[in-house]
Protein backbone atom coordinates (compact mmCIF):
# COMPACT_ATOMS: atom_id res chain seq x y z
CA MET A 1 14.52 19.12 -64.03
CA THR A 2 11.88 19.02 -61.31
CA PRO A 3 9.08 16.41 -61.16
CA PHE A 4 6.57 18.98 -62.54
CA ASP A 5 8.49 19.93 -65.68
CA SER A 6 6.73 17.69 -68.16
CA GLY A 7 4.95 20.63 -69.76
CA SER A 8 1.45 19.27 -69.16
CA THR A 9 -1.22 21.63 -67.87
CA ILE A 10 -1.78 19.54 -64.75
CA ASP A 11 1.93 19.59 -63.95
CA GLU A 12 1.92 23.38 -64.31
CA ILE A 13 -0.93 23.63 -61.81
CA LEU A 14 0.77 21.28 -59.40
CA ALA A 15 4.04 23.20 -59.68
CA THR A 16 2.19 26.41 -58.87
CA ILE A 17 0.68 24.87 -55.77
CA ALA A 18 4.07 23.48 -54.69
CA ASP A 19 5.83 26.82 -55.19
CA THR A 20 3.16 28.81 -53.41
CA SER A 21 3.16 26.41 -50.47
CA SER A 22 6.74 27.54 -49.73
CA ASP A 23 5.51 31.13 -49.46
CA VAL A 24 2.63 30.03 -47.21
CA ARG A 25 4.99 28.17 -44.88
CA GLU A 26 7.41 31.07 -44.65
CA GLY A 27 4.62 33.36 -43.50
CA LEU A 28 3.30 31.14 -40.71
CA VAL A 29 5.55 32.68 -38.06
CA GLU A 30 4.15 36.15 -38.71
CA ASP A 31 0.51 35.13 -39.23
CA ARG A 32 -0.38 33.52 -35.92
CA THR A 33 -2.87 36.18 -34.87
CA VAL A 34 -6.64 35.66 -34.92
CA SER A 35 -8.49 37.66 -37.53
CA ALA A 36 -11.76 39.48 -36.83
CA GLU A 37 -13.26 37.68 -39.81
CA THR A 38 -15.14 34.39 -40.12
CA ASN A 39 -15.19 32.13 -43.16
CA PRO A 40 -18.42 31.05 -44.96
CA SER A 41 -18.75 28.11 -42.55
CA GLY A 42 -18.82 30.46 -39.59
CA GLU A 43 -15.34 29.56 -38.35
CA THR A 44 -12.94 32.14 -36.98
CA GLN A 45 -10.12 32.85 -39.41
CA MET A 46 -6.48 33.18 -38.54
CA ALA A 47 -4.42 35.79 -40.32
CA ALA A 48 -2.59 32.83 -41.84
CA ASP A 49 -5.85 31.52 -43.39
CA ILE A 50 -6.44 34.81 -45.16
CA ARG A 51 -2.86 35.18 -46.34
CA ALA A 52 -2.68 31.60 -47.64
CA ASP A 53 -5.93 32.03 -49.51
CA GLU A 54 -4.78 35.26 -51.16
CA LEU A 55 -1.44 33.71 -52.19
CA PHE A 56 -3.05 30.66 -53.75
CA GLU A 57 -5.74 32.72 -55.50
CA ASP A 58 -3.20 34.98 -57.18
CA ALA A 59 -0.87 32.14 -58.16
CA VAL A 60 -3.47 29.66 -59.37
CA LEU A 61 -5.49 32.15 -61.43
CA ALA A 62 -2.31 33.37 -63.14
CA ASN A 63 -2.45 30.10 -65.07
CA ASP A 64 -4.56 30.60 -68.22
CA ASP A 65 -5.70 26.98 -68.07
CA VAL A 66 -7.45 27.53 -64.73
CA GLY A 67 -11.00 28.81 -65.10
CA THR A 68 -12.00 28.98 -61.45
CA TYR A 69 -10.44 29.21 -58.00
CA ALA A 70 -12.70 28.11 -55.13
CA SER A 71 -11.71 28.22 -51.48
CA GLU A 72 -13.08 27.22 -48.09
CA GLU A 73 -12.35 30.81 -47.08
CA ARG A 74 -14.59 32.41 -49.73
CA ALA A 75 -18.34 32.39 -50.19
CA ASP A 76 -18.19 31.97 -53.99
CA PRO A 77 -15.71 30.75 -56.61
CA ILE A 78 -13.49 33.33 -58.29
CA ASP A 79 -13.59 33.21 -62.09
CA GLY A 80 -10.27 33.56 -63.81
CA GLY A 81 -11.05 33.01 -67.48
CA ASP A 82 -11.92 30.24 -69.90
CA GLY A 83 -9.52 27.59 -68.62
CA ALA A 84 -10.66 23.97 -68.65
CA TYR A 85 -9.59 23.23 -65.08
CA HIS A 86 -11.02 24.38 -61.76
CA VAL A 87 -9.05 24.40 -58.51
CA ALA A 88 -10.72 24.04 -55.11
CA MET A 89 -8.63 24.44 -51.96
CA ASP A 90 -8.58 24.46 -48.21
CA PRO A 91 -5.63 26.86 -48.10
CA LEU A 92 -4.62 26.12 -44.52
CA ASP A 93 -6.23 23.09 -42.88
CA GLY A 94 -5.67 23.01 -39.12
CA SER A 95 -4.68 26.67 -38.75
CA SER A 96 -5.80 26.55 -35.09
CA ASN A 97 -2.70 24.41 -34.57
CA LEU A 98 -0.52 27.51 -35.10
CA ARG A 99 -0.96 28.44 -31.48
CA SER A 100 0.35 25.10 -30.25
CA ASN A 101 2.93 24.71 -33.09
CA ASN A 102 1.46 21.45 -34.38
CA ALA A 103 1.28 20.29 -37.99
CA MET A 104 -1.17 21.73 -40.53
CA GLY A 105 -1.52 21.64 -44.29
CA THR A 106 -3.06 22.66 -47.58
CA ILE A 107 -5.65 20.50 -49.42
CA PHE A 108 -6.40 20.86 -53.13
CA GLY A 109 -8.49 19.32 -55.89
CA VAL A 110 -8.22 19.94 -59.63
CA TYR A 111 -11.66 19.44 -61.24
CA THR A 112 -12.80 19.39 -64.84
CA GLU A 113 -16.07 21.09 -63.83
CA ARG A 114 -16.70 24.31 -61.99
CA PRO A 115 -17.32 23.73 -58.27
CA PRO A 116 -19.56 22.53 -56.79
CA ALA A 117 -18.54 19.46 -58.75
CA SER A 118 -18.61 15.70 -58.32
CA GLY A 119 -15.57 13.92 -56.94
CA ARG A 120 -15.58 11.93 -60.17
CA ASP A 121 -14.64 15.18 -61.97
CA LEU A 122 -11.25 15.25 -60.22
CA VAL A 123 -8.18 14.78 -62.38
CA ALA A 124 -5.68 15.43 -59.59
CA SER A 125 -5.81 16.02 -55.85
CA GLY A 126 -3.62 16.02 -52.85
CA PHE A 127 -2.28 17.93 -49.91
CA VAL A 128 0.80 19.70 -48.61
CA LEU A 129 1.87 18.90 -45.04
CA TYR A 130 3.71 21.58 -43.09
CA GLY A 131 5.43 19.30 -40.57
CA PRO A 132 9.09 19.02 -39.56
CA ILE A 133 9.63 18.93 -43.33
CA THR A 134 7.22 20.05 -46.04
CA THR A 135 5.86 17.23 -48.17
CA MET A 136 3.24 17.05 -50.92
CA ILE A 137 1.04 14.07 -51.71
CA VAL A 138 -0.44 14.02 -55.23
CA ALA A 139 -3.03 11.61 -56.67
CA ARG A 140 -3.48 11.45 -60.43
CA ASP A 141 -4.04 8.72 -62.99
CA ASP A 142 -4.90 6.29 -60.16
CA GLU A 143 -1.44 6.63 -58.61
CA VAL A 144 -0.16 8.50 -55.57
CA THR A 145 3.26 10.15 -55.41
CA ASP A 146 4.97 11.69 -52.34
CA TYR A 147 7.19 14.74 -52.88
CA LEU A 148 9.64 16.63 -50.72
CA LEU A 149 9.21 20.39 -51.14
CA GLU A 150 12.61 21.86 -50.40
CA LYS A 151 13.75 25.29 -51.49
CA GLU A 152 11.18 25.33 -54.33
CA ASN A 153 12.83 22.27 -55.86
CA PRO A 154 10.39 19.35 -55.47
CA GLN A 155 11.92 15.90 -55.25
CA VAL A 156 10.16 12.54 -55.45
CA LEU A 157 10.24 10.71 -52.10
CA ALA A 158 8.11 7.73 -53.16
CA GLU A 159 6.12 6.66 -56.18
CA ASP A 160 3.02 4.45 -56.28
CA VAL A 161 2.27 5.04 -52.64
CA THR A 162 -0.22 2.53 -51.21
CA LEU A 163 -1.70 1.96 -47.79
CA PRO A 164 0.12 -0.70 -45.73
CA ASP A 165 -1.70 -4.04 -45.61
CA ASP A 166 -1.56 -4.19 -41.80
CA PRO A 167 -3.25 -1.03 -40.45
CA THR A 168 -2.11 0.33 -37.10
CA VAL A 169 -3.68 3.75 -36.38
CA PHE A 170 -7.07 5.50 -36.23
CA GLY A 171 -8.41 8.96 -35.64
CA PHE A 172 -12.08 9.85 -35.13
CA GLY A 173 -13.37 13.44 -34.92
CA GLY A 174 -16.45 14.98 -33.40
CA ASP A 175 -17.74 15.06 -29.83
CA VAL A 176 -18.14 11.51 -28.56
CA PRO A 177 -21.51 12.18 -26.88
CA ASN A 178 -22.74 13.39 -30.27
CA TRP A 179 -21.73 10.26 -32.16
CA PRO A 180 -24.60 8.08 -33.36
CA GLU A 181 -24.87 4.76 -31.44
CA ASP A 182 -23.93 2.62 -34.42
CA PHE A 183 -20.75 4.60 -35.02
CA LEU A 184 -19.98 4.57 -31.30
CA ASP A 185 -20.16 0.77 -31.26
CA PHE A 186 -17.86 0.57 -34.23
CA ALA A 187 -15.41 3.00 -32.63
CA ARG A 188 -15.27 0.94 -29.45
CA GLU A 189 -14.22 -2.11 -31.52
CA ILE A 190 -11.54 -0.16 -33.43
CA GLU A 191 -9.99 1.33 -30.31
CA GLN A 192 -9.27 -2.19 -29.09
CA GLU A 193 -7.39 -2.99 -32.30
CA LEU A 194 -5.56 0.16 -33.41
CA LYS A 195 -3.61 3.02 -31.85
CA LEU A 196 -5.21 6.44 -31.52
CA ARG A 197 -3.64 9.23 -33.56
CA TYR A 198 -5.62 12.46 -33.55
CA GLY A 199 -3.86 15.81 -33.65
CA GLY A 200 -6.42 18.58 -34.28
CA ALA A 201 -5.57 18.98 -37.98
CA MET A 202 -7.29 16.49 -40.23
CA ILE A 203 -4.54 16.60 -42.78
CA ALA A 204 -1.88 15.48 -40.27
CA ASP A 205 -4.02 12.54 -39.22
CA ILE A 206 -4.62 11.60 -42.87
CA ASN A 207 -0.89 11.60 -43.56
CA GLN A 208 -0.35 9.15 -40.70
CA LEU A 209 -2.85 6.80 -42.31
CA LEU A 210 -0.90 6.80 -45.58
CA THR A 211 2.25 5.97 -43.59
CA TYR A 212 0.87 3.36 -41.16
CA GLY A 213 -2.51 2.30 -42.49
CA GLY A 214 -5.78 2.51 -40.57
CA ILE A 215 -8.94 4.57 -40.62
CA PHE A 216 -9.94 8.22 -40.19
CA ALA A 217 -13.51 9.37 -39.64
CA TYR A 218 -15.47 12.49 -39.05
CA PRO A 219 -18.93 10.94 -38.98
CA GLY A 220 -22.36 12.44 -39.26
CA LEU A 221 -23.36 13.51 -35.77
CA LYS A 222 -26.65 13.31 -33.89
CA GLU A 223 -27.07 17.06 -34.02
CA LYS A 224 -25.32 17.51 -37.39
CA PRO A 225 -25.98 14.46 -39.65
CA GLU A 226 -24.00 16.05 -42.46
CA GLY A 227 -20.85 16.08 -40.36
CA LYS A 228 -18.30 18.90 -40.33
CA LEU A 229 -15.93 18.50 -43.32
CA ARG A 230 -16.56 20.24 -46.64
CA LEU A 231 -17.09 18.00 -49.65
CA GLN A 232 -15.41 20.17 -52.32
CA PHE A 233 -12.34 21.16 -50.32
CA GLU A 234 -11.72 18.20 -48.01
CA GLY A 235 -13.97 15.17 -48.61
CA ASN A 236 -13.53 14.76 -52.39
CA PRO A 237 -9.77 15.45 -52.61
CA ILE A 238 -8.88 13.20 -49.69
CA ALA A 239 -11.20 10.41 -50.91
CA HIS A 240 -9.54 10.69 -54.31
CA VAL A 241 -6.11 10.25 -52.71
CA PHE A 242 -7.12 7.22 -50.64
CA GLU A 243 -8.90 5.41 -53.44
CA ALA A 244 -5.88 5.96 -55.69
CA ALA A 245 -3.66 4.55 -52.89
CA GLY A 246 -5.61 1.29 -52.80
CA GLY A 247 -7.84 2.29 -49.90
CA ALA A 248 -11.47 3.33 -49.76
CA SER A 249 -13.71 6.22 -48.77
CA SER A 250 -17.27 6.39 -47.57
CA THR A 251 -19.97 8.73 -46.37
CA GLY A 252 -21.29 5.70 -44.50
CA ASP A 253 -23.26 4.64 -47.56
CA GLY A 254 -20.89 4.46 -50.55
CA SER A 255 -17.88 6.31 -51.90
CA ILE A 256 -17.52 9.97 -51.04
CA LEU A 257 -16.70 10.57 -54.70
CA ASP A 258 -20.23 9.60 -55.64
CA THR A 259 -21.86 12.20 -53.41
CA GLU A 260 -24.06 14.59 -55.38
CA ALA A 261 -22.61 18.11 -55.29
CA GLU A 262 -25.30 20.58 -54.37
CA SER A 263 -23.51 23.61 -52.97
CA LEU A 264 -20.00 24.97 -52.70
CA HIS A 265 -19.70 24.67 -48.89
CA GLN A 266 -21.70 21.47 -48.60
CA ARG A 267 -20.64 19.15 -45.77
CA ALA A 268 -20.57 15.36 -45.81
CA PRO A 269 -19.59 12.61 -43.38
CA MET A 270 -16.08 11.42 -44.14
CA HIS A 271 -14.51 8.02 -43.55
CA VAL A 272 -11.27 6.99 -45.30
CA GLY A 273 -8.71 4.23 -44.82
CA ASN A 274 -7.91 0.61 -45.56
CA ALA A 275 -10.64 -0.96 -47.65
CA GLU A 276 -11.45 -3.72 -45.16
CA LEU A 277 -11.95 -1.20 -42.36
CA ILE A 278 -14.25 0.91 -44.52
CA GLU A 279 -16.23 -2.22 -45.39
CA ARG A 280 -16.62 -2.98 -41.65
CA LEU A 281 -17.68 0.59 -41.04
CA GLU A 282 -20.39 0.51 -43.67
CA ALA A 283 -21.67 -2.82 -42.33
CA ALA A 284 -21.80 -1.33 -38.83
CA LEU A 285 -23.77 1.66 -40.03
CA ASP A 286 -26.38 -0.31 -41.98
């Protein structure tokens, strides 16, 4: 019996994502070329982005309980039927790392409302990390579980995952000259206290935080106050994971999960990590 064999609808969706992730990983070697396409955010797509998106769409919508599949790679959600749950995904976060053979991952959120939806409508979220081994973090019912995805037979690595009390790492995205002055001042303090870990794939940096504790940020920028990361596909699911793991999230002015959802590809500043560090961040940005 695998960890997703309870028979619940959410477990069926999670099992589908876990199984499909194995297919995505197997195809990475062959899908390292750059596509001629761009996604709705104007970013160049890798062949791997397109393939991962197609694999997840087919697999997720095959579940009768899923009403919608929404993806960072598509302009609009794809309707699949009358299912009560709606899955939003970044099928391959950090695909630019294929060229340098660094880690990347898949991010997902299971909502009770059709995207664009509030982060408070999430019933499960998480991410798959394609590192030296393939792991899957899942947040549901205010608890985080870490799974090993091996030969389509998920195994529990750790239950009730929480952030360490003594944080040790940080990672901040965006061009430094484009950081607002208040965030720059905060960053200068943090870099004296914690070790820099920033690898070009947000999901890999996030996973380090769950392991070592600390803070990740992609702030609003001078020229782009809304930041870079997409609320539906990245901000909400990752905030949901961190808050379930005893940490906190913030746009700079309150939880990411409370951000009003206005459009599918809406961006929002993203800061997640140990609660005391997020509190310091919000105080610095006041």
